[in-house]
């Protein structure tokens, strides 16, 4: 059963500016995510959007979910996978970007 749907979009330039600030990556991402990003603004923007979309899909928002509690990884085929600490939901996630924008959509599912 679907619990919620979340989507987010961000300008790549905004994320590039944020990445230049000391501590931004560590504040938002876990070490595995930072390794995946590798100073790539497109990847960073995609993961940022994904976390925002997941928080919206839960209906709780980032203040209650906590951005660092949302973990985004990828299968070997490149499909994004979501894990949220202390959460009993499953997620479907899609991330995309163009030259100027990144977007993500998340569907939150109740576990059986």
PDB file of N, CA and C in Angstrom:
ATOM      1  N   UNK A   1       0.834  -1.173   0.000  1.00  0.00           N
ATOM      2  CA  UNK A   1       0.000   0.000   0.000  1.00  0.00           C
ATOM      3  C   UNK A   1       0.886   1.247   0.000  1.00  0.00           C
ATOM      4  N   UNK A   2       0.495   2.239  -0.770  1.00  0.00           N
ATOM      5  CA  UNK A   2       1.263   3.472  -0.872  1.00  0.00           C
ATOM      6  C   UNK A   2       0.980   4.368   0.338  1.00  0.00           C
ATOM      7  N   UNK A   3       2.045   4.796   0.978  1.00  0.00           N
ATOM      8  CA  UNK A   3       1.957   5.711   2.122  1.00  0.00           C
ATOM      9  C   UNK A   3       2.017   7.155   1.636  1.00  0.00           C
ATOM     10  N   UNK A   4       2.899   7.413   0.636  1.00  0.00           N
ATOM     11  CA  UNK A   4       3.041   8.781   0.163  1.00  0.00           C
ATOM     12  C   UNK A   4       3.937   8.889  -1.051  1.00  0.00           C
ATOM     13  N   UNK A   5       3.901  10.059  -1.657  1.00  0.00           N
ATOM     14  CA  UNK A   5       4.690  10.372  -2.842  1.00  0.00           C
ATOM     15  C   UNK A   5       5.417  11.687  -2.588  1.00  0.00           C
ATOM     16  N   UNK A   6       6.700  11.729  -2.947  1.00  0.00           N
ATOM     17  CA  UNK A   6       7.467  12.956  -2.780  1.00  0.00           C
ATOM     18  C   UNK A   6       8.293  13.233  -4.017  1.00  0.00           C
ATOM     19  N   UNK A   7       8.460  14.493  -4.339  1.00  0.00           N
ATOM     20  CA  UNK A   7       9.303  14.882  -5.462  1.00  0.00           C
ATOM     21  C   UNK A   7      10.075  16.137  -5.086  1.00  0.00           C
ATOM     22  N   UNK A   8      11.236  16.313  -5.706  1.00  0.00           N
ATOM     23  CA  UNK A   8      12.041  17.496  -5.449  1.00  0.00           C
ATOM     24  C   UNK A   8      12.833  17.832  -6.701  1.00  0.00           C
ATOM     25  N   UNK A   9      13.173  19.097  -6.846  1.00  0.00           N
ATOM     26  CA  UNK A   9      13.992  19.576  -7.954  1.00  0.00           C
ATOM     27  C   UNK A   9      14.923  20.650  -7.401  1.00  0.00           C
ATOM     28  N   UNK A  10      16.152  20.687  -7.909  1.00  0.00           N
ATOM     29  CA  UNK A  10      17.123  21.665  -7.442  1.00  0.00           C
ATOM     30  C   UNK A  10      18.006  22.098  -8.606  1.00  0.00           C
ATOM     31  N   UNK A  11      18.441  23.359  -8.562  1.00  0.00           N
ATOM     32  CA  UNK A  11      19.381  23.853  -9.562  1.00  0.00           C
ATOM     33  C   UNK A  11      20.775  23.315  -9.244  1.00  0.00           C
ATOM     34  N   UNK A  12      21.459  22.807 -10.258  1.00  0.00           N
ATOM     35  CA  UNK A  12      22.809  22.269 -10.083  1.00  0.00           C
ATOM     36  C   UNK A  12      23.745  23.361  -9.545  1.00  0.00           C
ATOM     37  N   UNK A  13      23.615  24.594 -10.028  1.00  0.00           N
ATOM     38  CA  UNK A  13      24.488  25.689  -9.583  1.00  0.00           C
ATOM     39  C   UNK A  13      24.345  25.945  -8.086  1.00  0.00           C
ATOM     40  N   UNK A  14      23.143  25.804  -7.573  1.00  0.00           N
ATOM     41  CA  UNK A  14      22.921  25.993  -6.131  1.00  0.00           C
ATOM     42  C   UNK A  14      23.697  24.948  -5.328  1.00  0.00           C
ATOM     43  N   UNK A  15      23.682  23.718  -5.814  1.00  0.00           N
ATOM     44  CA  UNK A  15      24.408  22.639  -5.129  1.00  0.00           C
ATOM     45  C   UNK A  15      25.921  22.839  -5.262  1.00  0.00           C
ATOM     46  N   UNK A  16      26.369  23.294  -6.429  1.00  0.00           N
ATOM     47  CA  UNK A  16      27.806  23.588  -6.608  1.00  0.00           C
ATOM     48  C   UNK A  16      28.279  24.605  -5.572  1.00  0.00           C
ATOM     49  N   UNK A  17      27.495  25.650  -5.353  1.00  0.00           N
ATOM     50  CA  UNK A  17      27.843  26.669  -4.362  1.00  0.00           C
ATOM     51  C   UNK A  17      27.867  26.073  -2.957  1.00  0.00           C
ATOM     52  N   UNK A  18      26.901  25.231  -2.663  1.00  0.00           N
ATOM     53  CA  UNK A  18      26.846  24.595  -1.346  1.00  0.00           C
ATOM     54  C   UNK A  18      28.041  23.668  -1.133  1.00  0.00           C
ATOM     55  N   UNK A  19      28.429  22.956  -2.180  1.00  0.00           N
ATOM     56  CA  UNK A  19      29.564  22.031  -2.086  1.00  0.00           C
ATOM     57  C   UNK A  19      30.858  22.773  -1.763  1.00  0.00           C
ATOM     58  N   UNK A  20      30.956  24.036  -2.148  1.00  0.00           N
ATOM     59  CA  UNK A  20      32.155  24.830  -1.896  1.00  0.00           C
ATOM     60  C   UNK A  20      32.257  25.258  -0.433  1.00  0.00           C
ATOM     61  N   UNK A  21      31.153  25.159   0.297  1.00  0.00           N
ATOM     62  CA  UNK A  21      31.157  25.551   1.710  1.00  0.00           C
ATOM     63  C   UNK A  21      31.685  24.399   2.568  1.00  0.00           C
ATOM     64  N   UNK A  22      32.543  24.745   3.485  1.00  0.00           N
ATOM     65  CA  UNK A  22      33.131  23.742   4.365  1.00  0.00           C
ATOM     66  C   UNK A  22      32.055  23.054   5.201  1.00  0.00           C
ATOM     67  N   UNK A  23      32.085  21.742   5.209  1.00  0.00           N
ATOM     68  CA  UNK A  23      31.182  20.960   6.039  1.00  0.00           C
ATOM     69  C   UNK A  23      29.856  20.595   5.408  1.00  0.00           C
ATOM     70  N   UNK A  24      29.535  21.153   4.240  1.00  0.00           N
ATOM     71  CA  UNK A  24      28.232  20.862   3.629  1.00  0.00           C
ATOM     72  C   UNK A  24      28.055  19.371   3.376  1.00  0.00           C
ATOM     73  N   UNK A  25      29.007  18.760   2.707  1.00  0.00           N
ATOM     74  CA  UNK A  25      28.856  17.339   2.366  1.00  0.00           C
ATOM     75  C   UNK A  25      28.701  16.491   3.621  1.00  0.00           C
ATOM     76  N   UNK A  26      29.514  16.743   4.646  1.00  0.00           N
ATOM     77  CA  UNK A  26      29.464  15.960   5.875  1.00  0.00           C
ATOM     78  C   UNK A  26      28.168  16.179   6.652  1.00  0.00           C
ATOM     79  N   UNK A  27      27.579  17.347   6.503  1.00  0.00           N
ATOM     80  CA  UNK A  27      26.322  17.654   7.198  1.00  0.00           C
ATOM     81  C   UNK A  27      25.138  16.903   6.573  1.00  0.00           C
ATOM     82  N   UNK A  28      25.205  16.674   5.256  1.00  0.00           N
ATOM     83  CA  UNK A  28      24.067  16.131   4.523  1.00  0.00           C
ATOM     84  C   UNK A  28      24.221  14.649   4.181  1.00  0.00           C
ATOM     85  N   UNK A  29      25.453  14.205   3.920  1.00  0.00           N
ATOM     86  CA  UNK A  29      25.672  12.868   3.366  1.00  0.00           C
ATOM     87  C   UNK A  29      26.530  11.999   4.283  1.00  0.00           C
ATOM     88  N   UNK A  30      26.321  10.688   4.185  1.00  0.00           N
ATOM     89  CA  UNK A  30      27.161   9.745   4.923  1.00  0.00           C
ATOM     90  C   UNK A  30      28.427   9.469   4.103  1.00  0.00           C
ATOM     91  N   UNK A  31      29.450   8.852   4.691  1.00  0.00           N
ATOM     92  CA  UNK A  31      30.724   8.641   3.978  1.00  0.00           C
ATOM     93  C   UNK A  31      30.587   7.884   2.657  1.00  0.00           C
ATOM     94  N   UNK A  32      29.702   6.899   2.583  1.00  0.00           N
ATOM     95  CA  UNK A  32      29.518   6.152   1.337  1.00  0.00           C
ATOM     96  C   UNK A  32      28.937   7.041   0.237  1.00  0.00           C
ATOM     97  N   UNK A  33      28.015   7.920   0.616  1.00  0.00           N
ATOM     98  CA  UNK A  33      27.431   8.854  -0.353  1.00  0.00           C
ATOM     99  C   UNK A  33      28.481   9.857  -0.832  1.00  0.00           C
ATOM    100  N   UNK A  34      29.302  10.337   0.077  1.00  0.00           N
ATOM    101  CA  UNK A  34      30.349  11.281  -0.294  1.00  0.00           C
ATOM    102  C   UNK A  34      31.326  10.619  -1.260  1.00  0.00           C
ATOM    103  N   UNK A  35      31.649   9.364  -1.016  1.00  0.00           N
ATOM    104  CA  UNK A  35      32.531   8.620  -1.925  1.00  0.00           C
ATOM    105  C   UNK A  35      31.889   8.502  -3.304  1.00  0.00           C
ATOM    106  N   UNK A  36      30.585   8.252  -3.362  1.00  0.00           N
ATOM    107  CA  UNK A  36      29.866   8.152  -4.633  1.00  0.00           C
ATOM    108  C   UNK A  36      29.868   9.496  -5.371  1.00  0.00           C
ATOM    109  N   UNK A  37      29.682  10.582  -4.632  1.00  0.00           N
ATOM    110  CA  UNK A  37      29.605  11.915  -5.229  1.00  0.00           C
ATOM    111  C   UNK A  37      30.926  12.297  -5.892  1.00  0.00           C
ATOM    112  N   UNK A  38      32.044  12.056  -5.227  1.00  0.00           N
ATOM    113  CA  UNK A  38      33.382  12.368  -5.754  1.00  0.00           C
ATOM    114  C   UNK A  38      33.468  13.767  -6.356  1.00  0.00           C
ATOM    115  N   UNK A  39      32.999  14.768  -5.625  1.00  0.00           N
ATOM    116  CA  UNK A  39      33.044  16.174  -6.065  1.00  0.00           C
ATOM    117  C   UNK A  39      32.293  16.423  -7.368  1.00  0.00           C
ATOM    118  N   UNK A  40      31.322  15.585  -7.693  1.00  0.00           N
ATOM    119  CA  UNK A  40      30.522  15.731  -8.912  1.00  0.00           C
ATOM    120  C   UNK A  40      29.195  16.412  -8.547  1.00  0.00           C
ATOM    121  N   UNK A  41      28.992  17.674  -8.968  1.00  0.00           N
ATOM    122  CA  UNK A  41      27.769  18.396  -8.610  1.00  0.00           C
ATOM    123  C   UNK A  41      26.487  17.721  -9.112  1.00  0.00           C
ATOM    124  N   UNK A  42      26.527  17.045 -10.246  1.00  0.00           N
ATOM    125  CA  UNK A  42      25.327  16.359 -10.741  1.00  0.00           C
ATOM    126  C   UNK A  42      24.923  15.232  -9.795  1.00  0.00           C
ATOM    127  N   UNK A  43      25.899  14.442  -9.374  1.00  0.00           N
ATOM    128  CA  UNK A  43      25.604  13.355  -8.433  1.00  0.00           C
ATOM    129  C   UNK A  43      25.146  13.901  -7.085  1.00  0.00           C
ATOM    130  N   UNK A  44      25.808  14.953  -6.635  1.00  0.00           N
ATOM    131  CA  UNK A  44      25.446  15.555  -5.353  1.00  0.00           C
ATOM    132  C   UNK A  44      24.020  16.085  -5.393  1.00  0.00           C
ATOM    133  N   UNK A  45      23.678  16.785  -6.459  1.00  0.00           N
ATOM    134  CA  UNK A  45      22.325  17.333  -6.595  1.00  0.00           C
ATOM    135  C   UNK A  45      21.290  16.213  -6.663  1.00  0.00           C
ATOM    136  N   UNK A  46      21.610  15.147  -7.376  1.00  0.00           N
ATOM    137  CA  UNK A  46      20.686  14.019  -7.463  1.00  0.00           C
ATOM    138  C   UNK A  46      20.423  13.383  -6.110  1.00  0.00           C
ATOM    139  N   UNK A  47      21.485  13.160  -5.330  1.00  0.00           N
ATOM    140  CA  UNK A  47      21.307  12.566  -4.000  1.00  0.00           C
ATOM    141  C   UNK A  47      20.582  13.521  -3.060  1.00  0.00           C
ATOM    142  N   UNK A  48      20.887  14.800  -3.165  1.00  0.00           N
ATOM    143  CA  UNK A  48      20.198  15.789  -2.339  1.00  0.00           C
ATOM    144  C   UNK A  48      18.697  15.764  -2.618  1.00  0.00           C
ATOM    145  N   UNK A  49      18.337  15.788  -3.903  1.00  0.00           N
ATOM    146  CA  UNK A  49      16.923  15.720  -4.281  1.00  0.00           C
ATOM    147  C   UNK A  49      16.277  14.428  -3.798  1.00  0.00           C
ATOM    148  N   UNK A  50      17.015  13.339  -3.910  1.00  0.00           N
ATOM    149  CA  UNK A  50      16.476  12.049  -3.480  1.00  0.00           C
ATOM    150  C   UNK A  50      16.127  12.074  -2.001  1.00  0.00           C
ATOM    151  N   UNK A  51      17.013  12.607  -1.188  1.00  0.00           N
ATOM    152  CA  UNK A  51      16.744  12.680   0.249  1.00  0.00           C
ATOM    153  C   UNK A  51      15.517  13.549   0.536  1.00  0.00           C
ATOM    154  N   UNK A  52      15.417  14.676  -0.142  1.00  0.00           N
ATOM    155  CA  UNK A  52      14.255  15.555   0.025  1.00  0.00           C
ATOM    156  C   UNK A  52      12.972  14.838  -0.396  1.00  0.00           C
ATOM    157  N   UNK A  53      13.008  14.150  -1.530  1.00  0.00           N
ATOM    158  CA  UNK A  53      11.827  13.444  -2.030  1.00  0.00           C
ATOM    159  C   UNK A  53      11.402  12.331  -1.068  1.00  0.00           C
ATOM    160  N   UNK A  54      12.358  11.606  -0.531  1.00  0.00           N
ATOM    161  CA  UNK A  54      12.049  10.529   0.426  1.00  0.00           C
ATOM    162  C   UNK A  54      11.400  11.109   1.676  1.00  0.00           C
ATOM    163  N   UNK A  55      11.962  12.200   2.199  1.00  0.00           N
ATOM    164  CA  UNK A  55      11.385  12.820   3.395  1.00  0.00           C
ATOM    165  C   UNK A  55       9.950  13.272   3.141  1.00  0.00           C
ATOM    166  N   UNK A  56       9.694  13.827   1.971  1.00  0.00           N
ATOM    167  CA  UNK A  56       8.338  14.248   1.616  1.00  0.00           C
ATOM    168  C   UNK A  56       7.411  13.047   1.483  1.00  0.00           C
ATOM    169  N   UNK A  57       7.903  11.962   0.909  1.00  0.00           N
ATOM    170  CA  UNK A  57       7.069  10.775   0.705  1.00  0.00           C
ATOM    171  C   UNK A  57       6.644  10.139   2.022  1.00  0.00           C
ATOM    172  N   UNK A  58       7.470  10.245   3.058  1.00  0.00           N
ATOM    173  CA  UNK A  58       7.100   9.673   4.352  1.00  0.00           C
ATOM    174  C   UNK A  58       5.988  10.472   5.017  1.00  0.00           C
ATOM    175  N   UNK A  59       5.836  11.729   4.597  1.00  0.00           N
ATOM    176  CA  UNK A  59       4.854  12.604   5.230  1.00  0.00           C
ATOM    177  C   UNK A  59       5.388  13.264   6.486  1.00  0.00           C
ATOM    178  N   UNK A  60       6.631  12.962   6.840  1.00  0.00           N
ATOM    179  CA  UNK A  60       7.223  13.503   8.063  1.00  0.00           C
ATOM    180  C   UNK A  60       8.109  14.715   7.819  1.00  0.00           C
ATOM    181  N   UNK A  61       8.643  14.835   6.606  1.00  0.00           N
ATOM    182  CA  UNK A  61       9.550  15.927   6.296  1.00  0.00           C
ATOM    183  C   UNK A  61      10.933  15.695   6.876  1.00  0.00           C
ATOM    184  N   UNK A  62      11.864  16.570   6.525  1.00  0.00           N
ATOM    185  CA  UNK A  62      13.252  16.409   6.963  1.00  0.00           C
ATOM    186  C   UNK A  62      13.443  16.666   8.449  1.00  0.00           C
ATOM    187  N   UNK A  63      12.635  17.535   9.037  1.00  0.00           N
ATOM    188  CA  UNK A  63      12.834  17.854  10.446  1.00  0.00           C
ATOM    189  C   UNK A  63      12.635  16.620  11.334  1.00  0.00           C
ATOM    190  N   UNK A  64      11.719  15.753  10.963  1.00  0.00           N
ATOM    191  CA  UNK A  64      11.476  14.547  11.756  1.00  0.00           C
ATOM    192  C   UNK A  64      12.247  13.337  11.233  1.00  0.00           C
ATOM    193  N   UNK A  65      12.455  13.272   9.928  1.00  0.00           N
ATOM    194  CA  UNK A  65      13.159  12.135   9.346  1.00  0.00           C
ATOM    195  C   UNK A  65      14.662  12.271   9.552  1.00  0.00           C
ATOM    196  N   UNK A  66      15.196  13.464   9.388  1.00  0.00           N
ATOM    197  CA  UNK A  66      16.630  13.697   9.513  1.00  0.00           C
ATOM    198  C   UNK A  66      17.352  13.348   8.223  1.00  0.00           C
ATOM    199  N   UNK A  67      17.969  14.339   7.599  1.00  0.00           N
ATOM    200  CA  UNK A  67      18.572  14.133   6.281  1.00  0.00           C
ATOM    201  C   UNK A  67      19.681  13.083   6.313  1.00  0.00           C
ATOM    202  N   UNK A  68      20.428  12.986   7.410  1.00  0.00           N
ATOM    203  CA  UNK A  68      21.510  11.994   7.483  1.00  0.00           C
ATOM    204  C   UNK A  68      20.982  10.599   7.794  1.00  0.00           C
ATOM    205  N   UNK A  69      19.732  10.491   8.206  1.00  0.00           N
ATOM    206  CA  UNK A  69      19.126   9.175   8.448  1.00  0.00           C
ATOM    207  C   UNK A  69      18.633   8.532   7.152  1.00  0.00           C
ATOM    208  N   UNK A  70      18.610   9.298   6.090  1.00  0.00           N
ATOM    209  CA  UNK A  70      18.195   8.792   4.778  1.00  0.00           C
ATOM    210  C   UNK A  70      19.462   8.442   4.009  1.00  0.00           C
ATOM    211  N   UNK A  71      19.595   7.179   3.651  1.00  0.00           N
ATOM    212  CA  UNK A  71      20.785   6.694   2.946  1.00  0.00           C
ATOM    213  C   UNK A  71      20.402   6.292   1.526  1.00  0.00           C
ATOM    214  N   UNK A  72      21.129   6.837   0.562  1.00  0.00           N
ATOM    215  CA  UNK A  72      20.906   6.516  -0.844  1.00  0.00           C
ATOM    216  C   UNK A  72      22.132   5.763  -1.354  1.00  0.00           C
ATOM    217  N   UNK A  73      21.903   4.578  -1.881  1.00  0.00           N
ATOM    218  CA  UNK A  73      22.970   3.799  -2.506  1.00  0.00           C
ATOM    219  C   UNK A  73      22.455   3.369  -3.884  1.00  0.00           C
ATOM    220  N   UNK A  74      23.239   2.565  -4.556  1.00  0.00           N
ATOM    221  CA  UNK A  74      22.855   2.123  -5.902  1.00  0.00           C
ATOM    222  C   UNK A  74      23.185   0.642  -6.081  1.00  0.00           C
ATOM    223  N   UNK A  75      22.348  -0.037  -6.827  1.00  0.00           N
ATOM    224  CA  UNK A  75      22.661  -1.413  -7.195  1.00  0.00           C
ATOM    225  C   UNK A  75      23.816  -1.380  -8.198  1.00  0.00           C
ATOM    226  N   UNK A  76      24.383  -2.541  -8.498  1.00  0.00           N
ATOM    227  CA  UNK A  76      25.476  -2.565  -9.478  1.00  0.00           C
ATOM    228  C   UNK A  76      25.003  -2.127 -10.859  1.00  0.00           C
ATOM    229  N   UNK A  77      23.689  -2.210 -11.109  1.00  0.00           N
ATOM    230  CA  UNK A  77      23.116  -1.750 -12.375  1.00  0.00           C
ATOM    231  C   UNK A  77      22.837  -0.249 -12.367  1.00  0.00           C
ATOM    232  N   UNK A  78      22.975   0.397 -11.196  1.00  0.00           N
ATOM    233  CA  UNK A  78      22.776   1.835 -11.104  1.00  0.00           C
ATOM    234  C   UNK A  78      21.439   2.282 -10.543  1.00  0.00           C
ATOM    235  N   UNK A  79      20.569   1.335 -10.206  1.00  0.00           N
ATOM    236  CA  UNK A  79      19.262   1.700  -9.647  1.00  0.00           C
ATOM    237  C   UNK A  79      19.439   2.236  -8.227  1.00  0.00           C
ATOM    238  N   UNK A  80      18.842   3.398  -7.921  1.00  0.00           N
ATOM    239  CA  UNK A  80      18.962   3.935  -6.569  1.00  0.00           C
ATOM    240  C   UNK A  80      18.161   3.105  -5.562  1.00  0.00           C
ATOM    241  N   UNK A  81      18.739   2.979  -4.380  1.00  0.00           N
ATOM    242  CA  UNK A  81      18.136   2.213  -3.289  1.00  0.00           C
ATOM    243  C   UNK A  81      18.097   3.112  -2.056  1.00  0.00           C
ATOM    244  N   UNK A  82      16.976   3.096  -1.341  1.00  0.00           N
ATOM    245  CA  UNK A  82      16.789   3.944  -0.163  1.00  0.00           C
ATOM    246  C   UNK A  82      16.737   3.089   1.098  1.00  0.00           C
ATOM    247  N   UNK A  83      17.452   3.546   2.102  1.00  0.00           N
ATOM    248  CA  UNK A  83      17.346   2.989   3.449  1.00  0.00           C
ATOM    249  C   UNK A  83      17.162   4.168   4.389  1.00  0.00           C
ATOM    250  N   UNK A  84      16.171   4.075   5.265  1.00  0.00           N
ATOM    251  CA  UNK A  84      15.941   5.127   6.249  1.00  0.00           C
ATOM    252  C   UNK A  84      16.033   4.492   7.628  1.00  0.00           C
ATOM    253  N   UNK A  85      16.920   5.044   8.465  1.00  0.00           N
ATOM    254  CA  UNK A  85      17.097   4.522   9.814  1.00  0.00           C
ATOM    255  C   UNK A  85      15.793   4.618  10.600  1.00  0.00           C
ATOM    256  N   UNK A  86      15.533   3.584  11.402  1.00  0.00           N
ATOM    257  CA  UNK A  86      14.357   3.546  12.277  1.00  0.00           C
ATOM    258  C   UNK A  86      13.055   3.807  11.529  1.00  0.00           C
ATOM    259  N   UNK A  87      12.924   3.199  10.369  1.00  0.00           N
ATOM    260  CA  UNK A  87      11.749   3.419   9.526  1.00  0.00           C
ATOM    261  C   UNK A  87      11.229   2.081   9.034  1.00  0.00           C
ATOM    262  N   UNK A  88       9.947   1.904   9.069  1.00  0.00           N
ATOM    263  CA  UNK A  88       9.334   0.647   8.657  1.00  0.00           C
ATOM    264  C   UNK A  88       8.662   0.769   7.291  1.00  0.00           C
ATOM    265  N   UNK A  89       9.255   1.565   6.406  1.00  0.00           N
ATOM    266  CA  UNK A  89       8.723   1.751   5.064  1.00  0.00           C
ATOM    267  C   UNK A  89       9.711   1.222   4.035  1.00  0.00           C
ATOM    268  N   UNK A  90       9.205   0.932   2.859  1.00  0.00           N
ATOM    269  CA  UNK A  90      10.030   0.626   1.694  1.00  0.00           C
ATOM    270  C   UNK A  90       9.830   1.765   0.698  1.00  0.00           C
ATOM    271  N   UNK A  91      10.787   1.932  -0.212  1.00  0.00           N
ATOM    272  CA  UNK A  91      10.723   3.062  -1.134  1.00  0.00           C
ATOM    273  C   UNK A  91      11.048   2.643  -2.560  1.00  0.00           C
ATOM    274  N   UNK A  92      10.406   3.312  -3.482  1.00  0.00           N
ATOM    275  CA  UNK A  92      10.786   3.290  -4.881  1.00  0.00           C
ATOM    276  C   UNK A  92      11.318   4.679  -5.170  1.00  0.00           C
ATOM    277  N   UNK A  93      12.428   4.769  -5.900  1.00  0.00           N
ATOM    278  CA  UNK A  93      13.076   6.058  -6.105  1.00  0.00           C
ATOM    279  C   UNK A  93      13.578   6.187  -7.528  1.00  0.00           C
ATOM    280  N   UNK A  94      13.384   7.354  -8.101  1.00  0.00           N
ATOM    281  CA  UNK A  94      13.927   7.680  -9.412  1.00  0.00           C
ATOM    282  C   UNK A  94      14.651   9.020  -9.304  1.00  0.00           C
ATOM    283  N   UNK A  95      15.880   9.072  -9.847  1.00  0.00           N
ATOM    284  CA  UNK A  95      16.687  10.290  -9.841  1.00  0.00           C
ATOM    285  C   UNK A  95      17.053  10.613 -11.285  1.00  0.00           C
ATOM    286  N   UNK A  96      16.978  11.886 -11.640  1.00  0.00           N
ATOM    287  CA  UNK A  96      17.351  12.299 -12.993  1.00  0.00           C
ATOM    288  C   UNK A  96      17.943  13.696 -12.939  1.00  0.00           C
ATOM    289  N   UNK A  97      18.718  14.043 -13.951  1.00  0.00           N
ATOM    290  CA  UNK A  97      19.242  15.395 -14.026  1.00  0.00           C
ATOM    291  C   UNK A  97      19.505  15.785 -15.469  1.00  0.00           C
ATOM    292  N   UNK A  98      19.507  17.093 -15.666  1.00  0.00           N
ATOM    293  CA  UNK A  98      19.889  17.681 -16.948  1.00  0.00           C
ATOM    294  C   UNK A  98      21.115  18.538 -16.671  1.00  0.00           C
ATOM    295  N   UNK A  99      21.474  19.380 -17.580  1.00  0.00           N
ATOM    296  CA  UNK A  99      22.633  20.254 -17.385  1.00  0.00           C
ATOM    297  C   UNK A  99      22.419  21.224 -16.230  1.00  0.00           C
ATOM    298  N   UNK A 100      21.168  21.675 -16.035  1.00  0.00           N
ATOM    299  CA  UNK A 100      20.892  22.720 -15.057  1.00  0.00           C
ATOM    300  C   UNK A 100      20.120  22.279 -13.813  1.00  0.00           C
ATOM    301  N   UNK A 101      19.423  21.156 -13.878  1.00  0.00           N
ATOM    302  CA  UNK A 101      18.558  20.744 -12.775  1.00  0.00           C
ATOM    303  C   UNK A 101      18.713  19.258 -12.477  1.00  0.00           C
ATOM    304  N   UNK A 102      18.488  18.925 -11.201  1.00  0.00           N
ATOM    305  CA  UNK A 102      18.362  17.532 -10.783  1.00  0.00           C
ATOM    306  C   UNK A 102      16.977  17.377 -10.171  1.00  0.00           C
ATOM    307  N   UNK A 103      16.412  16.192 -10.323  1.00  0.00           N
ATOM    308  CA  UNK A 103      15.090  15.918  -9.773  1.00  0.00           C
ATOM    309  C   UNK A 103      15.042  14.488  -9.255  1.00  0.00           C
ATOM    310  N   UNK A 104      14.168  14.261  -8.310  1.00  0.00           N
ATOM    311  CA  UNK A 104      13.951  12.909  -7.785  1.00  0.00           C
ATOM    312  C   UNK A 104      12.494  12.766  -7.377  1.00  0.00           C
ATOM    313  N   UNK A 105      12.007  11.552  -7.532  1.00  0.00           N
ATOM    314  CA  UNK A 105      10.656  11.203  -7.115  1.00  0.00           C
ATOM    315  C   UNK A 105      10.735   9.931  -6.287  1.00  0.00           C
ATOM    316  N   UNK A 106      10.066   9.930  -5.150  1.00  0.00           N
ATOM    317  CA  UNK A 106      10.054   8.774  -4.250  1.00  0.00           C
ATOM    318  C   UNK A 106       8.620   8.365  -3.941  1.00  0.00           C
ATOM    319  N   UNK A 107       8.415   7.069  -3.920  1.00  0.00           N
ATOM    320  CA  UNK A 107       7.127   6.505  -3.463  1.00  0.00           C
ATOM    321  C   UNK A 107       7.422   5.730  -2.187  1.00  0.00           C
ATOM    322  N   UNK A 108       6.673   6.049  -1.138  1.00  0.00           N
ATOM    323  CA  UNK A 108       6.825   5.392   0.145  1.00  0.00           C
ATOM    324  C   UNK A 108       5.751   4.308   0.258  1.00  0.00           C
ATOM    325  N   UNK A 109       6.181   3.080   0.534  1.00  0.00           N
ATOM    326  CA  UNK A 109       5.276   1.941   0.619  1.00  0.00           C
ATOM    327  C   UNK A 109       5.262   1.396   2.050  1.00  0.00           C
ATOM    328  N   UNK A 110       4.074   1.039   2.507  1.00  0.00           N
ATOM    329  CA  UNK A 110       3.964   0.362   3.791  1.00  0.00           C
ATOM    330  C   UNK A 110       4.415  -1.078   3.628  1.00  0.00           C
ATOM    331  N   UNK A 111       5.246  -1.572   4.544  1.00  0.00           N
ATOM    332  CA  UNK A 111       5.665  -2.970   4.478  1.00  0.00           C
ATOM    333  C   UNK A 111       4.500  -3.851   4.866  1.00  0.00           C
ATOM    334  N   UNK A 112       4.485  -5.038   4.295  1.00  0.00           N
ATOM    335  CA  UNK A 112       3.399  -5.998   4.620  1.00  0.00           C
ATOM    336  C   UNK A 112       3.474  -6.483   6.045  1.00  0.00           C
TER     337      UNK A 112
END
